[in-house]
Amino acid sequence: MERGMKAMDGPINFGEKDRFWGLLSEGRDKPAIYTMNHHPDYYKKFFEDYGFVNNYEQIIYFRKVQDPPHPRLVGLADRVMRDTNYRFETIKKSQGEKYAEDFRIIYNKAWKAERTDFEELTSERSKTIMRKLKPVLDEDLCWFVYYKDEPVGVFIAIPELNEIFRYVHGNLNLWGKLKFLWYQKTQGCKTFTGIVFGIVPEFQGKGIEAAIFNELGKVIQPKKVYDNILISWIGSFNEKMIHLLVALLQVVPYKKFITYRKIF
């Protein structure tokens, strides 16, 4: 307080908000999710007894892959696709730097409008993110949207790696890595998790969100590789996105996390 600090938030990760952020408050009976916290039940009371209050929640949503799309979603998607200025494409691992730059452009436009604590994404940081994701990316799950060749939207999902890590039992020595590769090849993942979803502001509300999910469904439903979709994580303050996901994707809450704040 002597140095001007007025509050503290937690539990947080001193890095990206897409991992290990917030306290698990609902859904501990469900499997732990890759790079998501999985706290004991008593943590919630522990925080609140100490004086922390709920600052906002992050919600993870669930949907079955083979559930048919909502007719309204299909209608919105068809309307977008009739405009030949739009192009939807899956990521190509061989062009990682190109997609890293497209992601940087979308991120800096979309997230700047959504967040008060926004920090601009640099080209180097974007390339680093793409390099780290590359070993686990399934090209079918990552989509970019272009309007007159300008990047305007992105959806990135990755296989739910905890479905493989559970066979490794937390030991990533040489034997653990070999087991991971074996189970990745023989068992695979039946769930995938959407980790990034952004549309630049001037293209929001035009149906691009619906078109992305409709195109995704056209690709993954016939292949029957995945059974479940998780959308992670949507802040309780993002009412527009929550409405879109519930109304059009017909998702249901799967887990909830709380970012607490304690005022000094």
C-alpha atoms as a PDB file:
ATOM      1  CA  MET A   1       0.000   0.000   0.000  1.00  0.00           C
ATOM      2  CA  GLU A   2       2.919   2.328   0.719  1.00  0.00           C
ATOM      3  CA  ARG A   3       3.989   1.858  -2.905  1.00  0.00           C
ATOM      4  CA  GLY A   4       0.570   2.624  -4.341  1.00  0.00           C
ATOM      5  CA  MET A   5      -0.827  -0.916  -4.698  1.00  0.00           C
ATOM      6  CA  LYS A   6      -4.580  -0.932  -4.212  1.00  0.00           C
ATOM      7  CA  ALA A   7      -5.551  -4.560  -4.797  1.00  0.00           C
ATOM      8  CA  MET A   8      -4.381  -8.003  -5.820  1.00  0.00           C
ATOM      9  CA  ASP A   9      -5.976 -10.514  -8.174  1.00  0.00           C
ATOM     10  CA  GLY A  10      -5.677 -14.255  -8.146  1.00  0.00           C
ATOM     11  CA  PRO A  11      -5.085 -16.962  -8.877  1.00  0.00           C
ATOM     12  CA  ILE A  12      -3.451 -15.731 -12.092  1.00  0.00           C
ATOM     13  CA  ASN A  13      -0.630 -16.733 -14.377  1.00  0.00           C
ATOM     14  CA  PHE A  14       2.115 -14.165 -14.937  1.00  0.00           C
ATOM     15  CA  GLY A  15       1.873 -14.683 -18.669  1.00  0.00           C
ATOM     16  CA  GLU A  16      -0.948 -15.325 -21.101  1.00  0.00           C
ATOM     17  CA  LYS A  17      -4.538 -15.320 -19.858  1.00  0.00           C
ATOM     18  CA  ASP A  18      -5.387 -18.434 -21.876  1.00  0.00           C
ATOM     19  CA  ARG A  19      -3.708 -20.765 -19.361  1.00  0.00           C
ATOM     20  CA  PHE A  20      -3.719 -21.414 -15.622  1.00  0.00           C
ATOM     21  CA  TRP A  21      -5.931 -18.431 -14.876  1.00  0.00           C
ATOM     22  CA  GLY A  22      -8.677 -18.296 -12.270  1.00  0.00           C
ATOM     23  CA  LEU A  23      -9.871 -20.622  -9.543  1.00  0.00           C
ATOM     24  CA  LEU A  24     -11.962 -23.642 -10.499  1.00  0.00           C
ATOM     25  CA  SER A  25     -15.367 -23.095  -8.881  1.00  0.00           C
ATOM     26  CA  GLU A  26     -17.598 -25.517 -10.826  1.00  0.00           C
ATOM     27  CA  GLY A  27     -16.817 -28.686 -12.760  1.00  0.00           C
ATOM     28  CA  ARG A  28     -14.248 -30.406 -10.587  1.00  0.00           C
ATOM     29  CA  ASP A  29     -16.165 -33.654 -11.210  1.00  0.00           C
ATOM     30  CA  LYS A  30     -15.164 -33.389 -14.887  1.00  0.00           C
ATOM     31  CA  PRO A  31     -11.713 -34.229 -16.260  1.00  0.00           C
ATOM     32  CA  ALA A  32      -8.978 -31.630 -15.892  1.00  0.00           C
ATOM     33  CA  ILE A  33      -8.378 -29.610 -19.049  1.00  0.00           C
ATOM     34  CA  TYR A  34      -4.949 -29.059 -20.552  1.00  0.00           C
ATOM     35  CA  THR A  35      -3.314 -25.838 -19.192  1.00  0.00           C
ATOM     36  CA  MET A  36      -6.339 -25.145 -16.963  1.00  0.00           C
ATOM     37  CA  ASN A  37      -6.284 -25.088 -13.169  1.00  0.00           C
ATOM     38  CA  HIS A  38      -7.937 -27.949 -11.285  1.00  0.00           C
ATOM     39  CA  HIS A  39      -8.231 -26.876  -7.645  1.00  0.00           C
ATOM     40  CA  PRO A  40      -9.532 -28.716  -4.580  1.00  0.00           C
ATOM     41  CA  ASP A  41     -13.008 -27.640  -3.466  1.00  0.00           C
ATOM     42  CA  TYR A  42     -11.797 -25.976  -0.258  1.00  0.00           C
ATOM     43  CA  TYR A  43      -9.756 -23.367  -2.172  1.00  0.00           C
ATOM     44  CA  LYS A  44     -12.910 -21.322  -2.872  1.00  0.00           C
ATOM     45  CA  LYS A  45     -13.740 -20.929   0.816  1.00  0.00           C
ATOM     46  CA  PHE A  46     -10.073 -20.316   1.589  1.00  0.00           C
ATOM     47  CA  PHE A  47      -9.935 -17.342  -0.798  1.00  0.00           C
ATOM     48  CA  GLU A  48     -13.265 -15.871   0.274  1.00  0.00           C
ATOM     49  CA  ASP A  49     -12.540 -16.196   4.006  1.00  0.00           C
ATOM     50  CA  TYR A  50      -9.332 -14.261   3.378  1.00  0.00           C
ATOM     51  CA  GLY A  51     -11.311 -11.380   1.834  1.00  0.00           C
ATOM     52  CA  PHE A  52     -11.209 -12.011  -1.889  1.00  0.00           C
ATOM     53  CA  VAL A  53     -14.370 -11.244  -3.896  1.00  0.00           C
ATOM     54  CA  ASN A  54     -15.485 -12.444  -7.323  1.00  0.00           C
ATOM     55  CA  ASN A  55     -14.116  -9.979  -9.896  1.00  0.00           C
ATOM     56  CA  TYR A  56     -15.292 -11.931 -12.946  1.00  0.00           C
ATOM     57  CA  GLU A  57     -15.837 -15.514 -14.077  1.00  0.00           C
ATOM     58  CA  GLN A  58     -14.446 -17.467 -16.992  1.00  0.00           C
ATOM     59  CA  ILE A  59     -16.747 -20.116 -18.414  1.00  0.00           C
ATOM     60  CA  ILE A  60     -15.832 -23.152 -20.493  1.00  0.00           C
ATOM     61  CA  TYR A  61     -18.651 -24.402 -22.703  1.00  0.00           C
ATOM     62  CA  PHE A  62     -19.367 -27.879 -24.052  1.00  0.00           C
ATOM     63  CA  ARG A  63     -21.010 -29.271 -27.160  1.00  0.00           C
ATOM     64  CA  LYS A  64     -21.193 -32.610 -28.947  1.00  0.00           C
ATOM     65  CA  VAL A  65     -19.526 -32.553 -32.369  1.00  0.00           C
ATOM     66  CA  GLN A  66     -22.271 -34.504 -34.109  1.00  0.00           C
ATOM     67  CA  ASP A  67     -25.154 -32.381 -32.832  1.00  0.00           C
ATOM     68  CA  PRO A  68     -26.781 -30.735 -35.875  1.00  0.00           C
ATOM     69  CA  PRO A  69     -26.183 -27.000 -36.332  1.00  0.00           C
ATOM     70  CA  HIS A  70     -28.926 -24.575 -35.364  1.00  0.00           C
ATOM     71  CA  PRO A  71     -30.943 -23.499 -38.454  1.00  0.00           C
ATOM     72  CA  ARG A  72     -30.249 -19.840 -37.642  1.00  0.00           C
ATOM     73  CA  LEU A  73     -26.514 -20.527 -37.599  1.00  0.00           C
ATOM     74  CA  VAL A  74     -26.753 -22.144 -41.031  1.00  0.00           C
ATOM     75  CA  GLY A  75     -28.820 -19.234 -42.357  1.00  0.00           C
ATOM     76  CA  LEU A  76     -26.304 -16.646 -41.146  1.00  0.00           C
ATOM     77  CA  ALA A  77     -23.412 -18.677 -42.514  1.00  0.00           C
ATOM     78  CA  ASP A  78     -25.054 -19.042 -45.939  1.00  0.00           C
ATOM     79  CA  ARG A  79     -25.602 -15.290 -46.123  1.00  0.00           C
ATOM     80  CA  VAL A  80     -21.919 -14.637 -45.418  1.00  0.00           C
ATOM     81  CA  MET A  81     -20.740 -17.233 -47.923  1.00  0.00           C
ATOM     82  CA  ARG A  82     -22.751 -15.612 -50.707  1.00  0.00           C
ATOM     83  CA  ASP A  83     -20.389 -12.651 -50.481  1.00  0.00           C
ATOM     84  CA  THR A  84     -17.465 -13.698 -52.678  1.00  0.00           C
ATOM     85  CA  ASN A  85     -15.179 -11.184 -50.957  1.00  0.00           C
ATOM     86  CA  TYR A  86     -14.925 -13.589 -48.016  1.00  0.00           C
ATOM     87  CA  ARG A  87     -12.508 -16.480 -47.940  1.00  0.00           C
ATOM     88  CA  PHE A  88     -12.391 -19.149 -45.217  1.00  0.00           C
ATOM     89  CA  GLU A  89      -9.394 -21.431 -44.937  1.00  0.00           C
ATOM     90  CA  THR A  90      -7.763 -23.826 -42.533  1.00  0.00           C
ATOM     91  CA  ILE A  91      -4.255 -23.171 -41.304  1.00  0.00           C
ATOM     92  CA  LYS A  92      -1.308 -24.707 -43.144  1.00  0.00           C
ATOM     93  CA  LYS A  93       1.533 -25.747 -40.843  1.00  0.00           C
ATOM     94  CA  SER A  94       4.012 -25.250 -43.668  1.00  0.00           C
ATOM     95  CA  GLN A  95       3.131 -21.531 -43.760  1.00  0.00           C
ATOM     96  CA  GLY A  96       3.461 -20.870 -40.051  1.00  0.00           C
ATOM     97  CA  GLU A  97       5.029 -17.415 -40.344  1.00  0.00           C
ATOM     98  CA  LYS A  98       2.320 -16.219 -42.720  1.00  0.00           C
ATOM     99  CA  TYR A  99      -0.467 -17.269 -40.343  1.00  0.00           C
ATOM    100  CA  ALA A 100       1.444 -15.894 -37.358  1.00  0.00           C
ATOM    101  CA  GLU A 101       1.381 -12.471 -39.008  1.00  0.00           C
ATOM    102  CA  ASP A 102      -2.311 -12.794 -39.925  1.00  0.00           C
ATOM    103  CA  PHE A 103      -3.049 -13.767 -36.330  1.00  0.00           C
ATOM    104  CA  ARG A 104      -1.092 -10.756 -35.047  1.00  0.00           C
ATOM    105  CA  ILE A 105      -3.133  -8.383 -37.235  1.00  0.00           C
ATOM    106  CA  ILE A 106      -6.466  -9.835 -36.083  1.00  0.00           C
ATOM    107  CA  TYR A 107      -5.414 -10.010 -32.436  1.00  0.00           C
ATOM    108  CA  ASN A 108      -4.254  -6.411 -32.252  1.00  0.00           C
ATOM    109  CA  LYS A 109      -7.490  -5.141 -33.782  1.00  0.00           C
ATOM    110  CA  ALA A 110      -9.962  -7.437 -32.017  1.00  0.00           C
ATOM    111  CA  TRP A 111      -8.559  -7.655 -28.502  1.00  0.00           C
ATOM    112  CA  LYS A 112      -7.666  -3.971 -28.252  1.00  0.00           C
ATOM    113  CA  ALA A 113     -11.373  -3.208 -28.502  1.00  0.00           C
ATOM    114  CA  GLU A 114     -12.278  -5.782 -25.834  1.00  0.00           C
ATOM    115  CA  ARG A 115      -9.672  -5.369 -23.090  1.00  0.00           C
ATOM    116  CA  THR A 116      -8.633  -2.474 -20.886  1.00  0.00           C
ATOM    117  CA  ASP A 117      -5.334  -4.222 -20.065  1.00  0.00           C
ATOM    118  CA  PHE A 118      -4.478  -4.811 -23.728  1.00  0.00           C
ATOM    119  CA  GLU A 119      -0.839  -5.268 -24.679  1.00  0.00           C
ATOM    120  CA  GLU A 120      -0.071  -5.230 -28.391  1.00  0.00           C
ATOM    121  CA  LEU A 121       1.141  -8.518 -29.828  1.00  0.00           C
ATOM    122  CA  THR A 122       4.512  -8.242 -31.558  1.00  0.00           C
ATOM    123  CA  SER A 123       5.539 -10.187 -34.652  1.00  0.00           C
ATOM    124  CA  GLU A 124       8.175 -12.095 -32.693  1.00  0.00           C
ATOM    125  CA  ARG A 125       5.726 -13.050 -29.967  1.00  0.00           C
ATOM    126  CA  SER A 126       3.171 -14.165 -32.535  1.00  0.00           C
ATOM    127  CA  LYS A 127       5.758 -16.358 -34.267  1.00  0.00           C
ATOM    128  CA  THR A 128       6.723 -17.872 -30.906  1.00  0.00           C
ATOM    129  CA  ILE A 129       3.096 -18.748 -30.156  1.00  0.00           C
ATOM    130  CA  MET A 130       2.707 -20.400 -33.549  1.00  0.00           C
ATOM    131  CA  ARG A 131       5.930 -22.390 -33.134  1.00  0.00           C
ATOM    132  CA  LYS A 132       4.782 -23.697 -29.764  1.00  0.00           C
ATOM    133  CA  LEU A 133       1.373 -24.681 -31.130  1.00  0.00           C
ATOM    134  CA  LYS A 134       2.675 -26.353 -34.288  1.00  0.00           C
ATOM    135  CA  PRO A 135       3.494 -29.801 -32.803  1.00  0.00           C
ATOM    136  CA  VAL A 136      -0.075 -30.257 -31.528  1.00  0.00           C
ATOM    137  CA  LEU A 137      -2.075 -28.428 -34.207  1.00  0.00           C
ATOM    138  CA  ASP A 138      -4.699 -30.231 -36.224  1.00  0.00           C
ATOM    139  CA  GLU A 139      -5.113 -28.147 -39.378  1.00  0.00           C
ATOM    140  CA  ASP A 140      -8.828 -28.990 -39.547  1.00  0.00           C
ATOM    141  CA  LEU A 141      -9.421 -27.159 -36.247  1.00  0.00           C
ATOM    142  CA  CYS A 142      -7.809 -23.799 -37.048  1.00  0.00           C
ATOM    143  CA  TRP A 143      -9.583 -21.335 -39.326  1.00  0.00           C
ATOM    144  CA  PHE A 144      -8.792 -17.910 -40.726  1.00  0.00           C
ATOM    145  CA  VAL A 145     -11.248 -15.559 -42.406  1.00  0.00           C
ATOM    146  CA  TYR A 146     -10.248 -13.014 -45.039  1.00  0.00           C
ATOM    147  CA  TYR A 147     -12.180 -10.179 -46.630  1.00  0.00           C
ATOM    148  CA  LYS A 148     -10.635  -9.012 -49.893  1.00  0.00           C
ATOM    149  CA  ASP A 149      -7.508 -10.883 -48.750  1.00  0.00           C
ATOM    150  CA  GLU A 150      -7.296  -8.947 -45.463  1.00  0.00           C
ATOM    151  CA  PRO A 151      -7.374 -11.133 -42.299  1.00  0.00           C
ATOM    152  CA  VAL A 152     -10.535 -10.355 -40.301  1.00  0.00           C
ATOM    153  CA  GLY A 153     -11.264 -13.421 -38.157  1.00  0.00           C
ATOM    154  CA  VAL A 154      -9.641 -16.405 -36.510  1.00  0.00           C
ATOM    155  CA  PHE A 155     -10.639 -19.535 -34.618  1.00  0.00           C
ATOM    156  CA  ILE A 156      -7.909 -21.772 -33.200  1.00  0.00           C
ATOM    157  CA  ALA A 157      -8.567 -25.041 -31.410  1.00  0.00           C
ATOM    158  CA  ILE A 158      -6.237 -27.804 -30.299  1.00  0.00           C
ATOM    159  CA  PRO A 159      -6.841 -31.442 -29.353  1.00  0.00           C
ATOM    160  CA  GLU A 160      -7.519 -31.875 -25.625  1.00  0.00           C
ATOM    161  CA  LEU A 161      -4.057 -33.186 -24.750  1.00  0.00           C
ATOM    162  CA  ASN A 162      -4.961 -34.250 -21.218  1.00  0.00           C
ATOM    163  CA  GLU A 163      -6.713 -37.206 -22.819  1.00  0.00           C
ATOM    164  CA  ILE A 164      -3.198 -38.388 -23.730  1.00  0.00           C
ATOM    165  CA  PHE A 165      -1.220 -36.960 -20.803  1.00  0.00           C
ATOM    166  CA  ARG A 166      -3.255 -39.074 -18.374  1.00  0.00           C
ATOM    167  CA  TYR A 167      -1.309 -42.108 -19.641  1.00  0.00           C
ATOM    168  CA  VAL A 168       1.998 -40.387 -18.870  1.00  0.00           C
ATOM    169  CA  HIS A 169       1.174 -39.801 -15.172  1.00  0.00           C
ATOM    170  CA  GLY A 170       2.961 -36.460 -15.050  1.00  0.00           C
ATOM    171  CA  ASN A 171       6.403 -37.814 -15.926  1.00  0.00           C
ATOM    172  CA  LEU A 172       7.781 -36.302 -19.145  1.00  0.00           C
ATOM    173  CA  ASN A 173      11.141 -38.044 -19.059  1.00  0.00           C
ATOM    174  CA  LEU A 174      12.245 -39.945 -22.161  1.00  0.00           C
ATOM    175  CA  TRP A 175       9.936 -42.873 -21.371  1.00  0.00           C
ATOM    176  CA  GLY A 176       7.055 -40.485 -20.719  1.00  0.00           C
ATOM    177  CA  LYS A 177       7.603 -38.717 -24.035  1.00  0.00           C
ATOM    178  CA  LEU A 178       7.647 -42.034 -25.864  1.00  0.00           C
ATOM    179  CA  LYS A 179       4.402 -43.039 -24.168  1.00  0.00           C
ATOM    180  CA  PHE A 180       2.866 -39.696 -25.119  1.00  0.00           C
ATOM    181  CA  LEU A 181       3.788 -40.182 -28.791  1.00  0.00           C
ATOM    182  CA  TRP A 182       2.495 -43.761 -28.717  1.00  0.00           C
ATOM    183  CA  TYR A 183      -0.882 -42.874 -27.242  1.00  0.00           C
ATOM    184  CA  GLN A 184      -1.156 -39.802 -29.471  1.00  0.00           C
ATOM    185  CA  LYS A 185      -0.792 -42.072 -32.489  1.00  0.00           C
ATOM    186  CA  THR A 186      -2.888 -45.011 -31.271  1.00  0.00           C
ATOM    187  CA  GLN A 187      -5.553 -43.400 -29.078  1.00  0.00           C
ATOM    188  CA  GLY A 188      -5.725 -39.802 -30.242  1.00  0.00           C
ATOM    189  CA  CYS A 189      -8.035 -37.232 -28.650  1.00  0.00           C
ATOM    190  CA  LYS A 190     -11.821 -37.370 -28.775  1.00  0.00           C
ATOM    191  CA  THR A 191     -12.205 -33.792 -27.548  1.00  0.00           C
ATOM    192  CA  PHE A 192     -10.840 -30.530 -28.866  1.00  0.00           C
ATOM    193  CA  THR A 193     -10.706 -27.150 -27.168  1.00  0.00           C
ATOM    194  CA  GLY A 194     -11.207 -23.786 -28.822  1.00  0.00           C
ATOM    195  CA  ILE A 195      -8.570 -21.499 -27.323  1.00  0.00           C
ATOM    196  CA  VAL A 196      -8.717 -18.405 -29.547  1.00  0.00           C
ATOM    197  CA  PHE A 197     -11.736 -16.805 -31.227  1.00  0.00           C
ATOM    198  CA  GLY A 198     -11.607 -13.255 -32.535  1.00  0.00           C
ATOM    199  CA  ILE A 199     -13.238 -11.041 -35.148  1.00  0.00           C
ATOM    200  CA  VAL A 200     -11.982  -7.529 -35.904  1.00  0.00           C
ATOM    201  CA  PRO A 201     -14.535  -4.956 -34.677  1.00  0.00           C
ATOM    202  CA  GLU A 202     -15.852  -3.706 -38.032  1.00  0.00           C
ATOM    203  CA  PHE A 203     -16.757  -7.275 -39.052  1.00  0.00           C
ATOM    204  CA  GLN A 204     -18.460  -8.325 -35.840  1.00  0.00           C
ATOM    205  CA  GLY A 205     -22.192  -8.986 -35.987  1.00  0.00           C
ATOM    206  CA  LYS A 206     -22.117  -9.844 -39.694  1.00  0.00           C
ATOM    207  CA  GLY A 207     -22.425 -13.599 -39.221  1.00  0.00           C
ATOM    208  CA  ILE A 208     -18.735 -14.454 -39.609  1.00  0.00           C
ATOM    209  CA  GLU A 209     -18.781 -16.230 -36.245  1.00  0.00           C
ATOM    210  CA  ALA A 210     -21.591 -18.484 -37.456  1.00  0.00           C
ATOM    211  CA  ALA A 211     -19.842 -19.106 -40.775  1.00  0.00           C
ATOM    212  CA  ILE A 212     -16.618 -20.221 -39.061  1.00  0.00           C
ATOM    213  CA  PHE A 213     -18.431 -22.824 -36.980  1.00  0.00           C
ATOM    214  CA  ASN A 214     -20.521 -23.953 -39.934  1.00  0.00           C
ATOM    215  CA  GLU A 215     -17.427 -24.480 -42.076  1.00  0.00           C
ATOM    216  CA  LEU A 216     -15.683 -26.231 -39.185  1.00  0.00           C
ATOM    217  CA  GLY A 217     -18.628 -28.599 -38.827  1.00  0.00           C
ATOM    218  CA  LYS A 218     -18.627 -29.436 -42.529  1.00  0.00           C
ATOM    219  CA  VAL A 219     -15.017 -30.596 -42.211  1.00  0.00           C
ATOM    220  CA  ILE A 220     -14.939 -32.417 -38.871  1.00  0.00           C
ATOM    221  CA  GLN A 221     -18.387 -34.036 -38.673  1.00  0.00           C
ATOM    222  CA  PRO A 222     -17.891 -36.423 -41.646  1.00  0.00           C
ATOM    223  CA  LYS A 223     -14.441 -37.504 -40.406  1.00  0.00           C
ATOM    224  CA  LYS A 224     -15.790 -38.518 -36.959  1.00  0.00           C
ATOM    225  CA  VAL A 225     -12.393 -38.081 -35.303  1.00  0.00           C
ATOM    226  CA  TYR A 226     -13.721 -35.962 -32.436  1.00  0.00           C
ATOM    227  CA  ASP A 227     -16.762 -36.442 -30.191  1.00  0.00           C
ATOM    228  CA  ASN A 228     -16.731 -33.264 -28.078  1.00  0.00           C
ATOM    229  CA  ILE A 229     -16.017 -29.546 -28.394  1.00  0.00           C
ATOM    230  CA  LEU A 230     -14.901 -27.303 -25.528  1.00  0.00           C
ATOM    231  CA  ILE A 231     -14.875 -23.522 -25.948  1.00  0.00           C
ATOM    232  CA  SER A 232     -12.408 -21.939 -23.559  1.00  0.00           C
ATOM    233  CA  TRP A 233     -12.682 -19.613 -21.754  1.00  0.00           C
ATOM    234  CA  ILE A 234     -15.294 -16.878 -22.129  1.00  0.00           C
ATOM    235  CA  GLY A 235     -15.284 -14.052 -19.592  1.00  0.00           C
ATOM    236  CA  SER A 236     -18.592 -13.300 -17.884  1.00  0.00           C
ATOM    237  CA  PHE A 237     -18.125  -9.698 -19.046  1.00  0.00           C
ATOM    238  CA  ASN A 238     -18.236 -10.806 -22.708  1.00  0.00           C
ATOM    239  CA  GLU A 239     -22.010 -10.931 -22.973  1.00  0.00           C
ATOM    240  CA  LYS A 240     -22.064 -10.731 -26.777  1.00  0.00           C
ATOM    241  CA  MET A 241     -19.929 -13.836 -27.167  1.00  0.00           C
ATOM    242  CA  ILE A 242     -21.853 -15.771 -24.523  1.00  0.00           C
ATOM    243  CA  HIS A 243     -25.148 -14.957 -26.258  1.00  0.00           C
ATOM    244  CA  LEU A 244     -23.737 -16.031 -29.622  1.00  0.00           C
ATOM    245  CA  LEU A 245     -22.392 -19.338 -28.310  1.00  0.00           C
ATOM    246  CA  VAL A 246     -25.547 -20.250 -26.388  1.00  0.00           C
ATOM    247  CA  ALA A 247     -28.035 -19.125 -29.040  1.00  0.00           C
ATOM    248  CA  LEU A 248     -26.288 -20.371 -32.172  1.00  0.00           C
ATOM    249  CA  LEU A 249     -23.965 -23.166 -31.044  1.00  0.00           C
ATOM    250  CA  GLN A 250     -26.321 -24.365 -28.290  1.00  0.00           C
ATOM    251  CA  VAL A 251     -23.417 -24.932 -25.920  1.00  0.00           C
ATOM    252  CA  VAL A 252     -23.839 -25.577 -22.204  1.00  0.00           C
ATOM    253  CA  PRO A 253     -21.559 -24.537 -19.293  1.00  0.00           C
ATOM    254  CA  TYR A 254     -18.950 -27.181 -18.526  1.00  0.00           C
ATOM    255  CA  LYS A 255     -16.590 -25.539 -16.034  1.00  0.00           C
ATOM    256  CA  LYS A 256     -16.363 -22.177 -14.308  1.00  0.00           C
ATOM    257  CA  PHE A 257     -13.336 -20.331 -12.987  1.00  0.00           C
ATOM    258  CA  ILE A 258     -13.268 -17.216 -10.801  1.00  0.00           C
ATOM    259  CA  THR A 259     -10.707 -14.437 -10.976  1.00  0.00           C
ATOM    260  CA  TYR A 260     -10.761 -13.007  -7.466  1.00  0.00           C
ATOM    261  CA  ARG A 261      -9.791  -9.536  -6.288  1.00  0.00           C
ATOM    262  CA  LYS A 262      -8.863  -8.365  -2.806  1.00  0.00           C
ATOM    263  CA  ILE A 263      -9.024  -4.615  -2.187  1.00  0.00           C
ATOM    264  CA  PHE A 264      -6.373  -3.433   0.261  1.00  0.00           C
END
